[in-house]
Amino acid sequence: SPAEFDASSDSEKRKKDRILSGVQPTGSLHLGNYLGAIRQWVKYQDDYDSYFCVVDLHAITVPHEPKKLSKDTLSAAATYIAAGIDPQKSPIFIQSQVSAHAELTWLLNCITPMNWLE
C-alpha cells in the first residue's frame, strides 16, 4: 500500500526541549520569584515542553509549620496560574504528590558516590 502523506511541517515535527522548574513554598511568593523565574516560565511555555511544580519537599529541609506549608503550597500553585502559566500547555504539580520524585531521589542517592558530586 502507498505510504501515507504527512502534511505536517518540519517545525511541527521538531521535538521541543523540556523545562522542569519549581519554587519552594516557604512563605508567599514575591516579586523576586516573579522576576527571577515565573515571568520567564510564562514567556517560554509555548517554546518548550514545560512542567512546573511547587517543590514542597525541598521546603521541609528547614523548620516549618505543616498547616502553613500546605496553605502556601496551594497558594504558590494558584500564583503560577494567576501569573500566566496555562496548565493546558504546561502542567503544574505539587512535588510531594508525585511519589516517583522521592523514589528516584532515593535511588540516585544510593548509587551516586560522594566523590562524583565533589
Foldseek 3Di string as FASTA:
>chain_A
DDDDDDPDDPVVVDAFAEDEEEEELPDADDPCCVVVPLVVCQVCLVRHQYEYEHAPVVVVVDDDDVVSSVVSRVNRQVVSVVSHDDCVSYPYYYQVVDVVNVVVVVVCVVPDDPVVVD
